[in-house]
């Protein structure tokens, strides 16, 4: 790793925060909308699958920033899928 005057993981954690804020904002918008007609369940199925694979990969390469980030992204995908299904069912 390069000899840097700061911990490069700080950049990864900053990216994690930005990404999660945007994903949570989208979920809040979905919850407040009356319908989720324009939201495909396949979006969340793909995101869930990719997140699981990225968690495994991140763990295998021993990168805690990406393990945590991808676990949190997985959580947002599961919540998003639940919201869409409830909106379409109700």
PDB file of N, CA and C in Angstrom:
ATOM      1  N   UNK A   1       0.845  -1.179   0.000  1.00  0.00           N
ATOM      2  CA  UNK A   1       0.000   0.000   0.000  1.00  0.00           C
ATOM      3  C   UNK A   1       0.891   1.244   0.000  1.00  0.00           C
ATOM      4  N   UNK A   2       0.417   2.281  -0.591  1.00  0.00           N
ATOM      5  CA  UNK A   2       1.172   3.529  -0.652  1.00  0.00           C
ATOM      6  C   UNK A   2       1.344   4.142   0.732  1.00  0.00           C
ATOM      7  N   UNK A   3       2.432   4.879   0.877  1.00  0.00           N
ATOM      8  CA  UNK A   3       2.676   5.590   2.124  1.00  0.00           C
ATOM      9  C   UNK A   3       1.955   6.937   2.053  1.00  0.00           C
ATOM     10  N   UNK A   4       0.784   6.996   2.660  1.00  0.00           N
ATOM     11  CA  UNK A   4      -0.046   8.196   2.605  1.00  0.00           C
ATOM     12  C   UNK A   4      -0.089   8.869   3.974  1.00  0.00           C
ATOM     13  N   UNK A   5      -0.306  10.184   3.986  1.00  0.00           N
ATOM     14  CA  UNK A   5      -0.382  10.898   5.263  1.00  0.00           C
ATOM     15  C   UNK A   5      -1.731  10.737   5.975  1.00  0.00           C
ATOM     16  N   UNK A   6      -2.599   9.885   5.425  1.00  0.00           N
ATOM     17  CA  UNK A   6      -3.914   9.652   6.022  1.00  0.00           C
ATOM     18  C   UNK A   6      -4.306   8.203   5.754  1.00  0.00           C
ATOM     19  N   UNK A   7      -5.293   7.739   6.465  1.00  0.00           N
ATOM     20  CA  UNK A   7      -5.791   6.385   6.276  1.00  0.00           C
ATOM     21  C   UNK A   7      -6.702   6.363   5.048  1.00  0.00           C
ATOM     22  N   UNK A   8      -6.354   5.641   3.979  1.00  0.00           N
ATOM     23  CA  UNK A   8      -7.187   5.627   2.777  1.00  0.00           C
ATOM     24  C   UNK A   8      -8.575   5.050   3.021  1.00  0.00           C
ATOM     25  N   UNK A   9      -8.745   4.307   4.113  1.00  0.00           N
ATOM     26  CA  UNK A   9     -10.080   3.807   4.436  1.00  0.00           C
ATOM     27  C   UNK A   9     -11.063   4.938   4.708  1.00  0.00           C
ATOM     28  N   UNK A  10     -10.547   6.113   5.093  1.00  0.00           N
ATOM     29  CA  UNK A  10     -11.429   7.270   5.321  1.00  0.00           C
ATOM     30  C   UNK A  10     -12.190   7.631   4.048  1.00  0.00           C
ATOM     31  N   UNK A  11     -11.548   7.496   2.901  1.00  0.00           N
ATOM     32  CA  UNK A  11     -12.225   7.763   1.623  1.00  0.00           C
ATOM     33  C   UNK A  11     -13.316   6.724   1.400  1.00  0.00           C
ATOM     34  N   UNK A  12     -13.014   5.475   1.702  1.00  0.00           N
ATOM     35  CA  UNK A  12     -14.019   4.422   1.569  1.00  0.00           C
ATOM     36  C   UNK A  12     -15.209   4.637   2.478  1.00  0.00           C
ATOM     37  N   UNK A  13     -14.951   5.032   3.727  1.00  0.00           N
ATOM     38  CA  UNK A  13     -16.058   5.295   4.654  1.00  0.00           C
ATOM     39  C   UNK A  13     -16.878   6.503   4.209  1.00  0.00           C
ATOM     40  N   UNK A  14     -16.220   7.524   3.675  1.00  0.00           N
ATOM     41  CA  UNK A  14     -16.945   8.698   3.160  1.00  0.00           C
ATOM     42  C   UNK A  14     -17.854   8.283   2.003  1.00  0.00           C
ATOM     43  N   UNK A  15     -17.343   7.448   1.106  1.00  0.00           N
ATOM     44  CA  UNK A  15     -18.148   6.955  -0.012  1.00  0.00           C
ATOM     45  C   UNK A  15     -19.334   6.142   0.496  1.00  0.00           C
ATOM     46  N   UNK A  16     -19.110   5.344   1.534  1.00  0.00           N
ATOM     47  CA  UNK A  16     -20.179   4.546   2.134  1.00  0.00           C
ATOM     48  C   UNK A  16     -21.296   5.444   2.642  1.00  0.00           C
ATOM     49  N   UNK A  17     -20.931   6.497   3.339  1.00  0.00           N
ATOM     50  CA  UNK A  17     -21.926   7.422   3.885  1.00  0.00           C
ATOM     51  C   UNK A  17     -22.732   8.073   2.771  1.00  0.00           C
ATOM     52  N   UNK A  18     -22.062   8.569   1.740  1.00  0.00           N
ATOM     53  CA  UNK A  18     -22.753   9.217   0.618  1.00  0.00           C
ATOM     54  C   UNK A  18     -23.714   8.238  -0.046  1.00  0.00           C
ATOM     55  N   UNK A  19     -23.252   7.030  -0.314  1.00  0.00           N
ATOM     56  CA  UNK A  19     -24.089   6.027  -0.971  1.00  0.00           C
ATOM     57  C   UNK A  19     -25.294   5.668  -0.116  1.00  0.00           C
ATOM     58  N   UNK A  20     -25.089   5.450   1.165  1.00  0.00           N
ATOM     59  CA  UNK A  20     -26.206   5.075   2.032  1.00  0.00           C
ATOM     60  C   UNK A  20     -27.218   6.193   2.194  1.00  0.00           C
ATOM     61  N   UNK A  21     -26.748   7.433   2.265  1.00  0.00           N
ATOM     62  CA  UNK A  21     -27.683   8.563   2.354  1.00  0.00           C
ATOM     63  C   UNK A  21     -28.582   8.590   1.123  1.00  0.00           C
ATOM     64  N   UNK A  22     -28.009   8.381  -0.056  1.00  0.00           N
ATOM     65  CA  UNK A  22     -28.825   8.407  -1.273  1.00  0.00           C
ATOM     66  C   UNK A  22     -29.792   7.226  -1.332  1.00  0.00           C
ATOM     67  N   UNK A  23     -29.351   6.041  -0.911  1.00  0.00           N
ATOM     68  CA  UNK A  23     -30.236   4.875  -0.932  1.00  0.00           C
ATOM     69  C   UNK A  23     -31.365   5.009   0.084  1.00  0.00           C
ATOM     70  N   UNK A  24     -31.039   5.470   1.275  1.00  0.00           N
ATOM     71  CA  UNK A  24     -32.078   5.662   2.299  1.00  0.00           C
ATOM     72  C   UNK A  24     -33.071   6.721   1.854  1.00  0.00           C
ATOM     73  N   UNK A  25     -32.590   7.768   1.226  1.00  0.00           N
ATOM     74  CA  UNK A  25     -33.480   8.820   0.708  1.00  0.00           C
ATOM     75  C   UNK A  25     -34.456   8.245  -0.315  1.00  0.00           C
ATOM     76  N   UNK A  26     -33.968   7.358  -1.169  1.00  0.00           N
ATOM     77  CA  UNK A  26     -34.839   6.722  -2.158  1.00  0.00           C
ATOM     78  C   UNK A  26     -35.894   5.854  -1.492  1.00  0.00           C
ATOM     79  N   UNK A  27     -35.510   5.121  -0.460  1.00  0.00           N
ATOM     80  CA  UNK A  27     -36.475   4.282   0.250  1.00  0.00           C
ATOM     81  C   UNK A  27     -37.535   5.139   0.936  1.00  0.00           C
ATOM     82  N   UNK A  28     -37.111   6.238   1.552  1.00  0.00           N
ATOM     83  CA  UNK A  28     -38.060   7.146   2.199  1.00  0.00           C
ATOM     84  C   UNK A  28     -39.049   7.677   1.165  1.00  0.00           C
ATOM     85  N   UNK A  29     -38.555   8.001  -0.023  1.00  0.00           N
ATOM     86  CA  UNK A  29     -39.435   8.494  -1.094  1.00  0.00           C
ATOM     87  C   UNK A  29     -40.426   7.410  -1.508  1.00  0.00           C
ATOM     88  N   UNK A  30     -39.956   6.173  -1.621  1.00  0.00           N
ATOM     89  CA  UNK A  30     -40.844   5.078  -1.985  1.00  0.00           C
ATOM     90  C   UNK A  30     -41.922   4.861  -0.927  1.00  0.00           C
ATOM     91  N   UNK A  31     -41.551   4.955   0.332  1.00  0.00           N
ATOM     92  CA  UNK A  31     -42.514   4.760   1.412  1.00  0.00           C
ATOM     93  C   UNK A  31     -43.587   5.842   1.376  1.00  0.00           C
ATOM     94  N   UNK A  32     -43.193   7.079   1.084  1.00  0.00           N
ATOM     95  CA  UNK A  32     -44.141   8.187   1.109  1.00  0.00           C
ATOM     96  C   UNK A  32     -45.005   8.273  -0.144  1.00  0.00           C
ATOM     97  N   UNK A  33     -44.581   7.658  -1.251  1.00  0.00           N
ATOM     98  CA  UNK A  33     -45.394   7.657  -2.467  1.00  0.00           C
ATOM     99  C   UNK A  33     -46.548   6.673  -2.314  1.00  0.00           C
ATOM    100  N   UNK A  34     -47.672   6.990  -2.975  1.00  0.00           N
ATOM    101  CA  UNK A  34     -48.839   6.117  -2.881  1.00  0.00           C
ATOM    102  C   UNK A  34     -48.658   4.801  -3.626  1.00  0.00           C
ATOM    103  N   UNK A  35     -47.884   4.816  -4.695  1.00  0.00           N
ATOM    104  CA  UNK A  35     -47.701   3.609  -5.498  1.00  0.00           C
ATOM    105  C   UNK A  35     -46.235   3.478  -5.891  1.00  0.00           C
ATOM    106  N   UNK A  36     -45.857   2.267  -6.213  1.00  0.00           N
ATOM    107  CA  UNK A  36     -44.495   2.006  -6.675  1.00  0.00           C
ATOM    108  C   UNK A  36     -44.532   1.415  -8.080  1.00  0.00           C
ATOM    109  N   UNK A  37     -45.433   1.939  -8.903  1.00  0.00           N
ATOM    110  CA  UNK A  37     -45.631   1.386 -10.244  1.00  0.00           C
ATOM    111  C   UNK A  37     -44.366   1.424 -11.092  1.00  0.00           C
ATOM    112  N   UNK A  38     -43.569   2.478 -10.965  1.00  0.00           N
ATOM    113  CA  UNK A  38     -42.389   2.620 -11.796  1.00  0.00           C
ATOM    114  C   UNK A  38     -41.165   1.904 -11.264  1.00  0.00           C
ATOM    115  N   UNK A  39     -41.274   1.239 -10.120  1.00  0.00           N
ATOM    116  CA  UNK A  39     -40.127   0.575  -9.511  1.00  0.00           C
ATOM    117  C   UNK A  39     -40.219  -0.920  -9.768  1.00  0.00           C
ATOM    118  N   UNK A  40     -39.191  -1.462 -10.396  1.00  0.00           N
ATOM    119  CA  UNK A  40     -39.157  -2.884 -10.727  1.00  0.00           C
ATOM    120  C   UNK A  40     -38.588  -3.690  -9.561  1.00  0.00           C
ATOM    121  N   UNK A  41     -39.243  -4.805  -9.263  1.00  0.00           N
ATOM    122  CA  UNK A  41     -38.720  -5.717  -8.250  1.00  0.00           C
ATOM    123  C   UNK A  41     -37.378  -6.283  -8.684  1.00  0.00           C
ATOM    124  N   UNK A  42     -37.163  -6.379  -9.994  1.00  0.00           N
ATOM    125  CA  UNK A  42     -35.900  -6.913 -10.513  1.00  0.00           C
ATOM    126  C   UNK A  42     -34.715  -6.038 -10.127  1.00  0.00           C
ATOM    127  N   UNK A  43     -34.953  -4.748  -9.960  1.00  0.00           N
ATOM    128  CA  UNK A  43     -33.889  -3.853  -9.499  1.00  0.00           C
ATOM    129  C   UNK A  43     -33.363  -4.337  -8.148  1.00  0.00           C
ATOM    130  N   UNK A  44     -34.266  -4.623  -7.238  1.00  0.00           N
ATOM    131  CA  UNK A  44     -33.864  -5.048  -5.900  1.00  0.00           C
ATOM    132  C   UNK A  44     -33.340  -6.475  -5.886  1.00  0.00           C
ATOM    133  N   UNK A  45     -33.899  -7.339  -6.718  1.00  0.00           N
ATOM    134  CA  UNK A  45     -33.389  -8.711  -6.807  1.00  0.00           C
ATOM    135  C   UNK A  45     -31.940  -8.684  -7.295  1.00  0.00           C
ATOM    136  N   UNK A  46     -31.668  -7.879  -8.312  1.00  0.00           N
ATOM    137  CA  UNK A  46     -30.299  -7.735  -8.810  1.00  0.00           C
ATOM    138  C   UNK A  46     -29.378  -7.131  -7.773  1.00  0.00           C
ATOM    139  N   UNK A  47     -29.880  -6.096  -7.071  1.00  0.00           N
ATOM    140  CA  UNK A  47     -29.066  -5.443  -6.046  1.00  0.00           C
ATOM    141  C   UNK A  47     -28.777  -6.402  -4.894  1.00  0.00           C
ATOM    142  N   UNK A  48     -29.753  -7.178  -4.488  1.00  0.00           N
ATOM    143  CA  UNK A  48     -29.558  -8.145  -3.403  1.00  0.00           C
ATOM    144  C   UNK A  48     -28.522  -9.188  -3.808  1.00  0.00           C
ATOM    145  N   UNK A  49     -28.670  -9.723  -5.002  1.00  0.00           N
ATOM    146  CA  UNK A  49     -27.720 -10.731  -5.490  1.00  0.00           C
ATOM    147  C   UNK A  49     -26.309 -10.167  -5.569  1.00  0.00           C
ATOM    148  N   UNK A  50     -26.174  -8.993  -6.183  1.00  0.00           N
ATOM    149  CA  UNK A  50     -24.848  -8.373  -6.306  1.00  0.00           C
ATOM    150  C   UNK A  50     -24.253  -8.069  -4.928  1.00  0.00           C
ATOM    151  N   UNK A  51     -25.076  -7.585  -4.015  1.00  0.00           N
ATOM    152  CA  UNK A  51     -24.582  -7.255  -2.680  1.00  0.00           C
ATOM    153  C   UNK A  51     -24.084  -8.491  -1.945  1.00  0.00           C
ATOM    154  N   UNK A  52     -24.810  -9.591  -2.054  1.00  0.00           N
ATOM    155  CA  UNK A  52     -24.362 -10.835  -1.408  1.00  0.00           C
ATOM    156  C   UNK A  52     -23.018 -11.262  -1.978  1.00  0.00           C
ATOM    157  N   UNK A  53     -22.893 -11.219  -3.296  1.00  0.00           N
ATOM    158  CA  UNK A  53     -21.632 -11.599  -3.932  1.00  0.00           C
ATOM    159  C   UNK A  53     -20.501 -10.654  -3.535  1.00  0.00           C
ATOM    160  N   UNK A  54     -20.797  -9.342  -3.465  1.00  0.00           N
ATOM    161  CA  UNK A  54     -19.770  -8.376  -3.053  1.00  0.00           C
ATOM    162  C   UNK A  54     -19.376  -8.556  -1.583  1.00  0.00           C
ATOM    163  N   UNK A  55     -20.299  -8.928  -0.722  1.00  0.00           N
ATOM    164  CA  UNK A  55     -19.961  -9.196   0.678  1.00  0.00           C
ATOM    165  C   UNK A  55     -18.990 -10.376   0.748  1.00  0.00           C
ATOM    166  N   UNK A  56     -19.302 -11.428   0.018  1.00  0.00           N
ATOM    167  CA  UNK A  56     -18.410 -12.600   0.007  1.00  0.00           C
ATOM    168  C   UNK A  56     -17.038 -12.215  -0.528  1.00  0.00           C
ATOM    169  N   UNK A  57     -17.012 -11.519  -1.646  1.00  0.00           N
ATOM    170  CA  UNK A  57     -15.746 -11.093  -2.242  1.00  0.00           C
ATOM    171  C   UNK A  57     -14.950 -10.206  -1.281  1.00  0.00           C
ATOM    172  N   UNK A  58     -15.618  -9.233  -0.691  1.00  0.00           N
ATOM    173  CA  UNK A  58     -14.944  -8.301   0.217  1.00  0.00           C
ATOM    174  C   UNK A  58     -14.365  -9.023   1.421  1.00  0.00           C
ATOM    175  N   UNK A  59     -15.100 -10.009   1.924  1.00  0.00           N
ATOM    176  CA  UNK A  59     -14.609 -10.806   3.044  1.00  0.00           C
ATOM    177  C   UNK A  59     -13.389 -11.625   2.623  1.00  0.00           C
ATOM    178  N   UNK A  60     -13.454 -12.203   1.421  1.00  0.00           N
ATOM    179  CA  UNK A  60     -12.337 -13.022   0.936  1.00  0.00           C
ATOM    180  C   UNK A  60     -11.055 -12.213   0.732  1.00  0.00           C
ATOM    181  N   UNK A  61     -11.196 -10.953   0.317  1.00  0.00           N
ATOM    182  CA  UNK A  61     -10.005 -10.113   0.126  1.00  0.00           C
ATOM    183  C   UNK A  61      -9.685  -9.303   1.382  1.00  0.00           C
ATOM    184  N   UNK A  62     -10.444  -9.553   2.454  1.00  0.00           N
ATOM    185  CA  UNK A  62     -10.189  -8.961   3.768  1.00  0.00           C
ATOM    186  C   UNK A  62     -10.251  -7.435   3.755  1.00  0.00           C
ATOM    187  N   UNK A  63     -11.373  -6.904   3.209  1.00  0.00           N
ATOM    188  CA  UNK A  63     -11.557  -5.453   3.170  1.00  0.00           C
ATOM    189  C   UNK A  63     -12.800  -5.096   3.979  1.00  0.00           C
ATOM    190  N   UNK A  64     -12.594  -4.688   5.214  1.00  0.00           N
ATOM    191  CA  UNK A  64     -13.707  -4.425   6.138  1.00  0.00           C
ATOM    192  C   UNK A  64     -14.600  -3.284   5.669  1.00  0.00           C
ATOM    193  N   UNK A  65     -14.024  -2.278   5.012  1.00  0.00           N
ATOM    194  CA  UNK A  65     -14.846  -1.162   4.510  1.00  0.00           C
ATOM    195  C   UNK A  65     -15.906  -1.700   3.553  1.00  0.00           C
ATOM    196  N   UNK A  66     -15.495  -2.547   2.628  1.00  0.00           N
ATOM    197  CA  UNK A  66     -16.441  -3.071   1.649  1.00  0.00           C
ATOM    198  C   UNK A  66     -17.363  -4.133   2.230  1.00  0.00           C
ATOM    199  N   UNK A  67     -16.908  -4.884   3.221  1.00  0.00           N
ATOM    200  CA  UNK A  67     -17.799  -5.834   3.882  1.00  0.00           C
ATOM    201  C   UNK A  67     -18.956  -5.073   4.526  1.00  0.00           C
ATOM    202  N   UNK A  68     -18.641  -4.055   5.314  1.00  0.00           N
ATOM    203  CA  UNK A  68     -19.677  -3.268   5.994  1.00  0.00           C
ATOM    204  C   UNK A  68     -20.559  -2.547   4.983  1.00  0.00           C
ATOM    205  N   UNK A  69     -19.932  -1.894   4.012  1.00  0.00           N
ATOM    206  CA  UNK A  69     -20.694  -1.147   3.001  1.00  0.00           C
ATOM    207  C   UNK A  69     -21.669  -2.062   2.273  1.00  0.00           C
ATOM    208  N   UNK A  70     -21.193  -3.200   1.822  1.00  0.00           N
ATOM    209  CA  UNK A  70     -22.062  -4.086   1.056  1.00  0.00           C
ATOM    210  C   UNK A  70     -23.128  -4.746   1.916  1.00  0.00           C
ATOM    211  N   UNK A  71     -22.860  -4.971   3.188  1.00  0.00           N
ATOM    212  CA  UNK A  71     -23.909  -5.453   4.087  1.00  0.00           C
ATOM    213  C   UNK A  71     -25.007  -4.407   4.245  1.00  0.00           C
ATOM    214  N   UNK A  72     -24.612  -3.150   4.374  1.00  0.00           N
ATOM    215  CA  UNK A  72     -25.599  -2.077   4.506  1.00  0.00           C
ATOM    216  C   UNK A  72     -26.378  -1.863   3.210  1.00  0.00           C
ATOM    217  N   UNK A  73     -25.707  -1.981   2.076  1.00  0.00           N
ATOM    218  CA  UNK A  73     -26.400  -1.873   0.788  1.00  0.00           C
ATOM    219  C   UNK A  73     -27.381  -3.041   0.637  1.00  0.00           C
ATOM    220  N   UNK A  74     -26.971  -4.218   1.066  1.00  0.00           N
ATOM    221  CA  UNK A  74     -27.865  -5.372   1.042  1.00  0.00           C
ATOM    222  C   UNK A  74     -29.105  -5.096   1.880  1.00  0.00           C
ATOM    223  N   UNK A  75     -28.921  -4.527   3.046  1.00  0.00           N
ATOM    224  CA  UNK A  75     -30.057  -4.183   3.904  1.00  0.00           C
ATOM    225  C   UNK A  75     -31.003  -3.200   3.210  1.00  0.00           C
ATOM    226  N   UNK A  76     -30.461  -2.174   2.545  1.00  0.00           N
ATOM    227  CA  UNK A  76     -31.327  -1.216   1.846  1.00  0.00           C
ATOM    228  C   UNK A  76     -32.075  -1.890   0.702  1.00  0.00           C
ATOM    229  N   UNK A  77     -31.442  -2.849   0.027  1.00  0.00           N
ATOM    230  CA  UNK A  77     -32.114  -3.559  -1.065  1.00  0.00           C
ATOM    231  C   UNK A  77     -33.275  -4.402  -0.537  1.00  0.00           C
ATOM    232  N   UNK A  78     -33.057  -5.065   0.587  1.00  0.00           N
ATOM    233  CA  UNK A  78     -34.121  -5.880   1.181  1.00  0.00           C
ATOM    234  C   UNK A  78     -35.283  -4.989   1.617  1.00  0.00           C
ATOM    235  N   UNK A  79     -34.984  -3.883   2.261  1.00  0.00           N
ATOM    236  CA  UNK A  79     -36.038  -2.952   2.680  1.00  0.00           C
ATOM    237  C   UNK A  79     -36.773  -2.403   1.456  1.00  0.00           C
ATOM    238  N   UNK A  80     -36.028  -2.012   0.435  1.00  0.00           N
ATOM    239  CA  UNK A  80     -36.650  -1.506  -0.791  1.00  0.00           C
ATOM    240  C   UNK A  80     -37.574  -2.529  -1.424  1.00  0.00           C
ATOM    241  N   UNK A  81     -37.155  -3.778  -1.458  1.00  0.00           N
ATOM    242  CA  UNK A  81     -37.982  -4.847  -2.025  1.00  0.00           C
ATOM    243  C   UNK A  81     -39.252  -5.032  -1.206  1.00  0.00           C
ATOM    244  N   UNK A  82     -39.137  -4.991   0.098  1.00  0.00           N
ATOM    245  CA  UNK A  82     -40.316  -5.118   0.968  1.00  0.00           C
ATOM    246  C   UNK A  82     -41.290  -3.975   0.717  1.00  0.00           C
ATOM    247  N   UNK A  83     -40.784  -2.763   0.623  1.00  0.00           N
ATOM    248  CA  UNK A  83     -41.643  -1.596   0.384  1.00  0.00           C
ATOM    249  C   UNK A  83     -42.382  -1.734  -0.938  1.00  0.00           C
ATOM    250  N   UNK A  84     -41.654  -2.102  -1.995  1.00  0.00           N
ATOM    251  CA  UNK A  84     -42.285  -2.244  -3.315  1.00  0.00           C
ATOM    252  C   UNK A  84     -43.358  -3.322  -3.286  1.00  0.00           C
ATOM    253  N   UNK A  85     -43.065  -4.455  -2.682  1.00  0.00           N
ATOM    254  CA  UNK A  85     -44.047  -5.535  -2.631  1.00  0.00           C
ATOM    255  C   UNK A  85     -45.291  -5.148  -1.836  1.00  0.00           C
ATOM    256  N   UNK A  86     -45.098  -4.462  -0.723  1.00  0.00           N
ATOM    257  CA  UNK A  86     -46.263  -4.028   0.071  1.00  0.00           C
ATOM    258  C   UNK A  86     -47.093  -3.015  -0.688  1.00  0.00           C
ATOM    259  N   UNK A  87     -46.446  -2.089  -1.399  1.00  0.00           N
ATOM    260  CA  UNK A  87     -47.176  -1.078  -2.164  1.00  0.00           C
ATOM    261  C   UNK A  87     -47.961  -1.722  -3.308  1.00  0.00           C
ATOM    262  N   UNK A  88     -47.359  -2.687  -3.980  1.00  0.00           N
ATOM    263  CA  UNK A  88     -48.042  -3.348  -5.101  1.00  0.00           C
ATOM    264  C   UNK A  88     -49.154  -4.270  -4.622  1.00  0.00           C
ATOM    265  N   UNK A  89     -48.999  -4.837  -3.416  1.00  0.00           N
ATOM    266  CA  UNK A  89     -50.031  -5.734  -2.879  1.00  0.00           C
ATOM    267  C   UNK A  89     -51.206  -4.960  -2.290  1.00  0.00           C
ATOM    268  N   UNK A  90     -50.904  -3.770  -1.780  1.00  0.00           N
ATOM    269  CA  UNK A  90     -51.955  -3.032  -1.078  1.00  0.00           C
ATOM    270  C   UNK A  90     -52.479  -1.948  -1.889  1.00  0.00           C
TER     271      UNK A  90
END
